[in-house]
Every structure is written in C-alpha cells, then in structure tokens.
Amino acid sequence: MTDILEANDRIAAVNRQVFDRHRNLVLNLMSSPGAGKTILLEKTAEALKGKLRLGVIVGDIETARDKERLEKYGLPVVQLNTGSACHLDANMIASALPHVDLTNIDVLVIENVGNLVCPAEFKVGEDFKIMILSVTEGDEKPLKYPLMFRESSLLLINKVDLLRYTNFSLEEAKANARKVHPDIEIMDMSCITGEGISEWTAWLSRCYQKKFGAKSRA
C-alpha cells in the first residue's frame, strides 16, 4: 500500500504543477453518497457566475447523471467512471486533464466518489480537501471515519434545514470533528434553502485571491 501511495503522490505532484501553471484553485470534494456534493456544485455555479469560473471533474462508479446535471449550468465537466474503484486517484485525474480546458477555469472541483474511507488516502493534486457531512447521517461520523475529517481543510455540514427531523447535534458533530482535526474550518449549510452558500463562495474567493493574489481572469 505504501508503494501505491508513493507512486500516486508523485503523479499528484505533477498534476499540481499543471494546475498551478494554469492558475487553477483545485478542490477535492468528498462525502458519503447522498450528502449533497452535486447540488452544492449546482448552487456554487449559480453563485459564482460572473465572479469565478467553475469547472468540474466528476467521479462515479457508474452513470453520467451528475455530469448531465452540472452541464445544464454551462459548466465544463469531465466524467470519470471508476467501475469498481471506490475513489479517484492522481492517475485518473491526469487522464482527464487533456479533456479539460484549464485556461478557462479558475476553480476546478474534483467531485470524488461517494465514500467515507478511500478518497482521503489519495492525493490528486488538490489545494484543499473539502468534506461534506449531512445531518441525515450522524454526528458521530468524524469519530468513525477520522481520516476524512483529518485530511480536510473545510467541513460543510449540509441539510441543516432538516435538523428538526433528526437527532443530529450540530454542537456534537463540530466537537467530534475538532477532536480529530482541531484546526478544521466548519460551515453550516443548506443547499435547498441557500443558507451558507454566500459564506462558502466567499471562502472560495479568499482562497483564490490568497493563492494567486488576483481575482478571476474572467
């Protein structure tokens, strides 16, 4: 396993050089299935229009349904189907790059396969790993799957509009996340109501400006 990760990291470093050369802020978006990755990207596309140019590499085991959803927003999207693999790795991303016009993208989101284990182990060339946890899962998830949260710079707690229908505790979830990663940033969010979207897109803008010292090339 060590050899596999070392080989992956070498390819990820090359990917990162490509992204930096094209002035791309790259995010590795991770979650369990159904936590809300695709709807987050739909809402992000709407909120960033005219500000930062968004592109997506979608990872799924089968189908191109998420790609089709995102293309309706005019986004450049590349689909990667992994077959049986439960995550994207650096070599898969490298294979997708010839099909992505990075010169017309400011923020590239790699929407990883829905899984709470493997995606955190494999770098793909990203600047940040982002974790989505929905309130319909469980506030103990950071303790059960610590690597996902330990590797993430930002935790988005989604579907907060459903809190009253669950026994999910925001306070407990945040405390558990900080037990495994004391410095993790956390935002409450509802992609349905729009709560938290402006804070999320402001975070993206700050990260882009911090990395490149400039606004979008749009």
C-alpha atoms as a PDB file:
ATOM      1  CA  MET A   1       0.000   0.000   0.000  1.00  0.00           C
ATOM      2  CA  THR A   2       2.895   2.345   0.790  1.00  0.00           C
ATOM      3  CA  ASP A   3       4.320   1.894  -2.711  1.00  0.00           C
ATOM      4  CA  ILE A   4       0.909   2.598  -4.247  1.00  0.00           C
ATOM      5  CA  LEU A   5       0.502   5.830  -2.274  1.00  0.00           C
ATOM      6  CA  GLU A   6       4.047   6.970  -3.050  1.00  0.00           C
ATOM      7  CA  ALA A   7       3.500   6.415  -6.764  1.00  0.00           C
ATOM      8  CA  ASN A   8       0.177   8.222  -6.532  1.00  0.00           C
ATOM      9  CA  ASP A   9       1.779  11.171  -4.721  1.00  0.00           C
ATOM     10  CA  ARG A  10       4.363  11.573  -7.485  1.00  0.00           C
ATOM     11  CA  ILE A  11       1.622  11.838 -10.109  1.00  0.00           C
ATOM     12  CA  ALA A  12      -0.374  14.173  -7.864  1.00  0.00           C
ATOM     13  CA  ALA A  13       2.641  16.484  -7.637  1.00  0.00           C
ATOM     14  CA  VAL A  14       2.801  16.661 -11.436  1.00  0.00           C
ATOM     15  CA  ASN A  15      -0.939  17.377 -11.572  1.00  0.00           C
ATOM     16  CA  ARG A  16      -0.439  20.171  -9.061  1.00  0.00           C
ATOM     17  CA  GLN A  17       2.246  21.737 -11.244  1.00  0.00           C
ATOM     18  CA  VAL A  18      -0.161  21.704 -14.183  1.00  0.00           C
ATOM     19  CA  PHE A  19      -2.902  23.315 -12.115  1.00  0.00           C
ATOM     20  CA  ASP A  20      -0.592  25.991 -10.723  1.00  0.00           C
ATOM     21  CA  ARG A  21       0.670  26.819 -14.206  1.00  0.00           C
ATOM     22  CA  HIS A  22      -2.916  27.378 -15.343  1.00  0.00           C
ATOM     23  CA  ARG A  23      -3.836  29.346 -12.205  1.00  0.00           C
ATOM     24  CA  ASN A  24      -6.427  26.832 -11.021  1.00  0.00           C
ATOM     25  CA  LEU A  25      -7.592  26.577  -7.433  1.00  0.00           C
ATOM     26  CA  VAL A  26      -8.320  22.856  -7.085  1.00  0.00           C
ATOM     27  CA  LEU A  27     -10.626  21.260  -4.541  1.00  0.00           C
ATOM     28  CA  ASN A  28     -11.106  17.579  -3.779  1.00  0.00           C
ATOM     29  CA  LEU A  29     -14.752  17.357  -2.694  1.00  0.00           C
ATOM     30  CA  MET A  30     -15.527  14.292  -0.584  1.00  0.00           C
ATOM     31  CA  SER A  31     -18.538  12.869   1.246  1.00  0.00           C
ATOM     32  CA  SER A  32     -20.660   9.785   1.699  1.00  0.00           C
ATOM     33  CA  PRO A  33     -23.218   9.076  -1.051  1.00  0.00           C
ATOM     34  CA  GLY A  34     -26.154  11.472  -0.939  1.00  0.00           C
ATOM     35  CA  ALA A  35     -24.597  14.104   1.321  1.00  0.00           C
ATOM     36  CA  GLY A  36     -25.085  16.803  -1.313  1.00  0.00           C
ATOM     37  CA  LYS A  37     -21.940  17.203  -3.426  1.00  0.00           C
ATOM     38  CA  THR A  38     -23.708  17.713  -6.738  1.00  0.00           C
ATOM     39  CA  ILE A  39     -26.373  20.122  -5.510  1.00  0.00           C
ATOM     40  CA  LEU A  40     -23.618  22.104  -3.785  1.00  0.00           C
ATOM     41  CA  LEU A  41     -21.888  22.444  -7.152  1.00  0.00           C
ATOM     42  CA  GLU A  42     -25.146  23.499  -8.809  1.00  0.00           C
ATOM     43  CA  LYS A  43     -25.647  26.229  -6.216  1.00  0.00           C
ATOM     44  CA  THR A  44     -21.981  27.217  -6.457  1.00  0.00           C
ATOM     45  CA  ALA A  45     -22.248  27.600 -10.219  1.00  0.00           C
ATOM     46  CA  GLU A  46     -25.166  29.979  -9.770  1.00  0.00           C
ATOM     47  CA  ALA A  47     -23.474  32.000  -7.029  1.00  0.00           C
ATOM     48  CA  LEU A  48     -20.101  32.316  -8.781  1.00  0.00           C
ATOM     49  CA  LYS A  49     -21.463  33.340 -12.165  1.00  0.00           C
ATOM     50  CA  GLY A  50     -19.524  36.387 -13.359  1.00  0.00           C
ATOM     51  CA  LYS A  51     -17.060  36.076 -10.467  1.00  0.00           C
ATOM     52  CA  LEU A  52     -15.019  32.880 -10.668  1.00  0.00           C
ATOM     53  CA  ARG A  53     -15.154  30.335 -13.476  1.00  0.00           C
ATOM     54  CA  LEU A  54     -16.021  26.866 -12.212  1.00  0.00           C
ATOM     55  CA  GLY A  55     -15.101  23.544 -13.774  1.00  0.00           C
ATOM     56  CA  VAL A  56     -15.744  20.016 -12.512  1.00  0.00           C
ATOM     57  CA  ILE A  57     -14.282  16.545 -12.831  1.00  0.00           C
ATOM     58  CA  VAL A  58     -16.984  14.124 -11.686  1.00  0.00           C
ATOM     59  CA  GLY A  59     -16.137  10.733 -10.232  1.00  0.00           C
ATOM     60  CA  ASP A  60     -18.752   7.993 -10.059  1.00  0.00           C
ATOM     61  CA  ILE A  61     -18.665   4.221 -10.154  1.00  0.00           C
ATOM     62  CA  GLU A  62     -21.293   4.197 -12.928  1.00  0.00           C
ATOM     63  CA  THR A  63     -23.563   6.587 -14.918  1.00  0.00           C
ATOM     64  CA  ALA A  64     -23.081  10.188 -16.018  1.00  0.00           C
ATOM     65  CA  ARG A  65     -26.101  11.613 -14.200  1.00  0.00           C
ATOM     66  CA  ASP A  66     -24.145  14.152 -12.151  1.00  0.00           C
ATOM     67  CA  LYS A  67     -22.297  15.340 -15.253  1.00  0.00           C
ATOM     68  CA  GLU A  68     -25.597  15.853 -17.050  1.00  0.00           C
ATOM     69  CA  ARG A  69     -26.974  17.846 -14.113  1.00  0.00           C
ATOM     70  CA  LEU A  70     -23.954  20.138 -13.990  1.00  0.00           C
ATOM     71  CA  GLU A  71     -23.784  20.714 -17.735  1.00  0.00           C
ATOM     72  CA  LYS A  72     -27.200  22.380 -17.512  1.00  0.00           C
ATOM     73  CA  TYR A  73     -25.407  25.216 -15.694  1.00  0.00           C
ATOM     74  CA  GLY A  74     -22.994  25.730 -18.563  1.00  0.00           C
ATOM     75  CA  LEU A  75     -20.068  24.244 -16.690  1.00  0.00           C
ATOM     76  CA  PRO A  76     -17.174  22.422 -18.342  1.00  0.00           C
ATOM     77  CA  VAL A  77     -17.496  18.915 -16.898  1.00  0.00           C
ATOM     78  CA  VAL A  78     -15.498  15.728 -17.429  1.00  0.00           C
ATOM     79  CA  GLN A  79     -16.893  12.381 -16.263  1.00  0.00           C
ATOM     80  CA  LEU A  80     -14.717   9.655 -14.762  1.00  0.00           C
ATOM     81  CA  ASN A  81     -16.350   6.286 -14.144  1.00  0.00           C
ATOM     82  CA  THR A  82     -14.246   4.082 -11.900  1.00  0.00           C
ATOM     83  CA  GLY A  83     -16.065   0.797 -12.420  1.00  0.00           C
ATOM     84  CA  SER A  84     -15.415  -0.867  -9.081  1.00  0.00           C
ATOM     85  CA  ALA A  85     -12.930   1.596  -7.573  1.00  0.00           C
ATOM     86  CA  CYS A  86     -14.271   3.490  -4.563  1.00  0.00           C
ATOM     87  CA  HIS A  87     -12.212   6.659  -5.097  1.00  0.00           C
ATOM     88  CA  LEU A  88     -10.402   8.824  -7.629  1.00  0.00           C
ATOM     89  CA  ASP A  89      -6.622   8.793  -7.708  1.00  0.00           C
ATOM     90  CA  ALA A  90      -3.992  11.049  -9.237  1.00  0.00           C
ATOM     91  CA  ASN A  91      -3.554   8.938 -12.359  1.00  0.00           C
ATOM     92  CA  MET A  92      -7.295   9.077 -13.107  1.00  0.00           C
ATOM     93  CA  ILE A  93      -7.190  12.863 -12.817  1.00  0.00           C
ATOM     94  CA  ALA A  94      -4.110  13.019 -15.065  1.00  0.00           C
ATOM     95  CA  SER A  95      -6.018  11.011 -17.681  1.00  0.00           C
ATOM     96  CA  ALA A  96      -8.866  13.550 -17.568  1.00  0.00           C
ATOM     97  CA  LEU A  97      -6.737  16.683 -17.952  1.00  0.00           C
ATOM     98  CA  PRO A  98      -6.391  16.522 -21.773  1.00  0.00           C
ATOM     99  CA  HIS A  99     -10.186  16.862 -21.872  1.00  0.00           C
ATOM    100  CA  VAL A 100     -10.321  19.940 -19.623  1.00  0.00           C
ATOM    101  CA  ASP A 101      -9.590  23.486 -20.836  1.00  0.00           C
ATOM    102  CA  LEU A 102      -7.815  24.666 -17.705  1.00  0.00           C
ATOM    103  CA  THR A 103      -7.162  28.100 -19.200  1.00  0.00           C
ATOM    104  CA  ASN A 104     -10.874  28.868 -18.858  1.00  0.00           C
ATOM    105  CA  ILE A 105     -11.260  27.650 -15.275  1.00  0.00           C
ATOM    106  CA  ASP A 106     -10.483  29.443 -12.019  1.00  0.00           C
ATOM    107  CA  VAL A 107     -11.857  26.893  -9.559  1.00  0.00           C
ATOM    108  CA  LEU A 108     -11.673  23.221 -10.509  1.00  0.00           C
ATOM    109  CA  VAL A 109     -13.676  20.915  -8.255  1.00  0.00           C
ATOM    110  CA  ILE A 110     -12.923  17.212  -8.302  1.00  0.00           C
ATOM    111  CA  GLU A 111     -16.153  15.589  -7.135  1.00  0.00           C
ATOM    112  CA  ASN A 112     -14.888  12.352  -5.651  1.00  0.00           C
ATOM    113  CA  VAL A 113     -16.753   9.069  -5.447  1.00  0.00           C
ATOM    114  CA  GLY A 114     -19.173   8.955  -2.504  1.00  0.00           C
ATOM    115  CA  ASN A 115     -17.231   7.058   0.151  1.00  0.00           C
ATOM    116  CA  LEU A 116     -16.023   7.791   3.683  1.00  0.00           C
ATOM    117  CA  VAL A 117     -12.760   5.833   3.558  1.00  0.00           C
ATOM    118  CA  CYS A 118     -10.637   5.656   0.417  1.00  0.00           C
ATOM    119  CA  PRO A 119     -10.885   9.175  -1.099  1.00  0.00           C
ATOM    120  CA  ALA A 120      -8.967  10.730   1.797  1.00  0.00           C
ATOM    121  CA  GLU A 121      -5.970   8.442   1.248  1.00  0.00           C
ATOM    122  CA  PHE A 122      -5.235   9.501  -2.325  1.00  0.00           C
ATOM    123  CA  LYS A 123      -3.967  12.951  -3.264  1.00  0.00           C
ATOM    124  CA  VAL A 124      -4.985  14.101  -6.731  1.00  0.00           C
ATOM    125  CA  GLY A 125      -3.095  17.407  -6.959  1.00  0.00           C
ATOM    126  CA  GLU A 126      -5.617  19.473  -4.996  1.00  0.00           C
ATOM    127  CA  ASP A 127      -5.038  22.588  -2.938  1.00  0.00           C
ATOM    128  CA  PHE A 128      -7.672  21.579  -0.390  1.00  0.00           C
ATOM    129  CA  LYS A 129      -9.779  18.602   0.540  1.00  0.00           C
ATOM    130  CA  ILE A 130     -13.354  19.591   1.409  1.00  0.00           C
ATOM    131  CA  MET A 131     -15.683  17.321   3.378  1.00  0.00           C
ATOM    132  CA  ILE A 132     -19.494  17.413   3.307  1.00  0.00           C
ATOM    133  CA  LEU A 133     -21.381  15.843   6.202  1.00  0.00           C
ATOM    134  CA  SER A 134     -25.172  15.886   6.089  1.00  0.00           C
ATOM    135  CA  VAL A 135     -27.369  15.994   9.179  1.00  0.00           C
ATOM    136  CA  THR A 136     -29.195  12.904   7.901  1.00  0.00           C
ATOM    137  CA  GLU A 137     -26.059  10.837   8.569  1.00  0.00           C
ATOM    138  CA  GLY A 138     -24.833  11.088  12.152  1.00  0.00           C
ATOM    139  CA  ASP A 139     -22.928  13.465  14.394  1.00  0.00           C
ATOM    140  CA  GLU A 140     -20.520  10.654  15.325  1.00  0.00           C
ATOM    141  CA  LYS A 141     -19.161  10.291  11.766  1.00  0.00           C
ATOM    142  CA  PRO A 142     -15.942  12.268  12.439  1.00  0.00           C
ATOM    143  CA  LEU A 143     -15.023   9.735  15.129  1.00  0.00           C
ATOM    144  CA  LYS A 144     -15.930   6.727  12.988  1.00  0.00           C
ATOM    145  CA  TYR A 145     -14.127   7.958   9.867  1.00  0.00           C
ATOM    146  CA  PRO A 146     -11.399  10.247  11.263  1.00  0.00           C
ATOM    147  CA  LEU A 147      -9.077  10.298   8.260  1.00  0.00           C
ATOM    148  CA  MET A 148     -11.664  12.027   6.048  1.00  0.00           C
ATOM    149  CA  PHE A 149     -12.018  14.844   8.548  1.00  0.00           C
ATOM    150  CA  ARG A 150      -8.338  14.975   9.490  1.00  0.00           C
ATOM    151  CA  GLU A 151      -7.351  15.471   5.849  1.00  0.00           C
ATOM    152  CA  SER A 152      -9.985  18.135   5.127  1.00  0.00           C
ATOM    153  CA  SER A 153      -9.410  21.870   5.446  1.00  0.00           C
ATOM    154  CA  LEU A 154     -13.118  22.704   5.494  1.00  0.00           C
ATOM    155  CA  LEU A 155     -16.185  20.823   6.731  1.00  0.00           C
ATOM    156  CA  LEU A 156     -19.575  21.740   5.296  1.00  0.00           C
ATOM    157  CA  ILE A 157     -22.465  20.472   7.422  1.00  0.00           C
ATOM    158  CA  ASN A 158     -25.272  20.247   4.896  1.00  0.00           C
ATOM    159  CA  LYS A 159     -29.068  19.865   5.096  1.00  0.00           C
ATOM    160  CA  VAL A 160     -29.380  21.920   8.278  1.00  0.00           C
ATOM    161  CA  ASP A 161     -32.956  22.678   7.195  1.00  0.00           C
ATOM    162  CA  LEU A 162     -33.732  19.065   8.201  1.00  0.00           C
ATOM    163  CA  LEU A 163     -32.286  19.288  11.689  1.00  0.00           C
ATOM    164  CA  ARG A 164     -35.693  19.294  13.379  1.00  0.00           C
ATOM    165  CA  TYR A 165     -36.473  15.939  11.787  1.00  0.00           C
ATOM    166  CA  THR A 166     -33.301  14.266  13.086  1.00  0.00           C
ATOM    167  CA  ASN A 167     -31.453  13.660  16.338  1.00  0.00           C
ATOM    168  CA  PHE A 168     -28.289  15.152  14.828  1.00  0.00           C
ATOM    169  CA  SER A 169     -26.477  17.593  17.135  1.00  0.00           C
ATOM    170  CA  LEU A 170     -24.547  20.346  15.378  1.00  0.00           C
ATOM    171  CA  GLU A 171     -22.559  21.004  18.539  1.00  0.00           C
ATOM    172  CA  GLU A 172     -21.628  17.338  18.920  1.00  0.00           C
ATOM    173  CA  ALA A 173     -20.662  16.985  15.249  1.00  0.00           C
ATOM    174  CA  LYS A 174     -18.437  20.048  15.395  1.00  0.00           C
ATOM    175  CA  ALA A 175     -16.835  18.935  18.652  1.00  0.00           C
ATOM    176  CA  ASN A 176     -16.166  15.483  17.193  1.00  0.00           C
ATOM    177  CA  ALA A 177     -14.656  16.976  14.034  1.00  0.00           C
ATOM    178  CA  ARG A 178     -12.346  19.162  16.106  1.00  0.00           C
ATOM    179  CA  LYS A 179     -11.279  16.179  18.199  1.00  0.00           C
ATOM    180  CA  VAL A 180      -9.704  14.658  15.109  1.00  0.00           C
ATOM    181  CA  HIS A 181      -8.727  17.968  13.447  1.00  0.00           C
ATOM    182  CA  PRO A 182      -8.590  20.935  15.845  1.00  0.00           C
ATOM    183  CA  ASP A 183      -7.985  23.499  13.072  1.00  0.00           C
ATOM    184  CA  ILE A 184     -10.705  22.430  10.652  1.00  0.00           C
ATOM    185  CA  GLU A 185     -12.987  25.222   9.439  1.00  0.00           C
ATOM    186  CA  ILE A 186     -16.712  24.431   9.686  1.00  0.00           C
ATOM    187  CA  MET A 187     -19.718  25.983   7.945  1.00  0.00           C
ATOM    188  CA  ASP A 188     -23.414  25.221   8.410  1.00  0.00           C
ATOM    189  CA  MET A 189     -25.242  24.885   5.110  1.00  0.00           C
ATOM    190  CA  SER A 190     -28.489  24.069   3.371  1.00  0.00           C
ATOM    191  CA  CYS A 191     -28.209  23.787  -0.376  1.00  0.00           C
ATOM    192  CA  ILE A 192     -32.013  23.741  -0.571  1.00  0.00           C
ATOM    193  CA  THR A 193     -32.642  27.000   1.295  1.00  0.00           C
ATOM    194  CA  GLY A 194     -29.355  28.659   0.321  1.00  0.00           C
ATOM    195  CA  GLU A 195     -28.098  29.027   3.881  1.00  0.00           C
ATOM    196  CA  GLY A 196     -24.303  29.128   3.935  1.00  0.00           C
ATOM    197  CA  ILE A 197     -23.805  29.417   0.177  1.00  0.00           C
ATOM    198  CA  SER A 198     -22.556  33.018   0.335  1.00  0.00           C
ATOM    199  CA  GLU A 199     -20.089  32.097   3.090  1.00  0.00           C
ATOM    200  CA  TRP A 200     -18.877  29.143   1.018  1.00  0.00           C
ATOM    201  CA  THR A 201     -18.349  31.185  -2.136  1.00  0.00           C
ATOM    202  CA  ALA A 202     -16.627  33.921  -0.123  1.00  0.00           C
ATOM    203  CA  TRP A 203     -14.257  31.238   1.179  1.00  0.00           C
ATOM    204  CA  LEU A 204     -13.535  30.174  -2.401  1.00  0.00           C
ATOM    205  CA  SER A 205     -12.823  33.760  -3.440  1.00  0.00           C
ATOM    206  CA  ARG A 206     -10.473  34.292  -0.491  1.00  0.00           C
ATOM    207  CA  CYS A 207      -8.573  31.105  -1.274  1.00  0.00           C
ATOM    208  CA  TYR A 208      -8.236  32.024  -4.935  1.00  0.00           C
ATOM    209  CA  GLN A 209      -7.005  35.519  -4.151  1.00  0.00           C
ATOM    210  CA  LYS A 210      -4.605  34.244  -1.491  1.00  0.00           C
ATOM    211  CA  LYS A 211      -3.090  31.743  -3.913  1.00  0.00           C
ATOM    212  CA  PHE A 212      -2.827  33.988  -6.956  1.00  0.00           C
ATOM    213  CA  GLY A 213      -3.049  37.494  -5.500  1.00  0.00           C
ATOM    214  CA  ALA A 214      -5.730  38.420  -8.005  1.00  0.00           C
ATOM    215  CA  LYS A 215      -9.372  37.987  -8.860  1.00  0.00           C
ATOM    216  CA  SER A 216     -10.689  35.761 -11.616  1.00  0.00           C
ATOM    217  CA  ARG A 217      -9.332  36.125 -15.139  1.00  0.00           C
ATOM    218  CA  ALA A 218     -12.930  36.476 -16.357  1.00  0.00           C
END
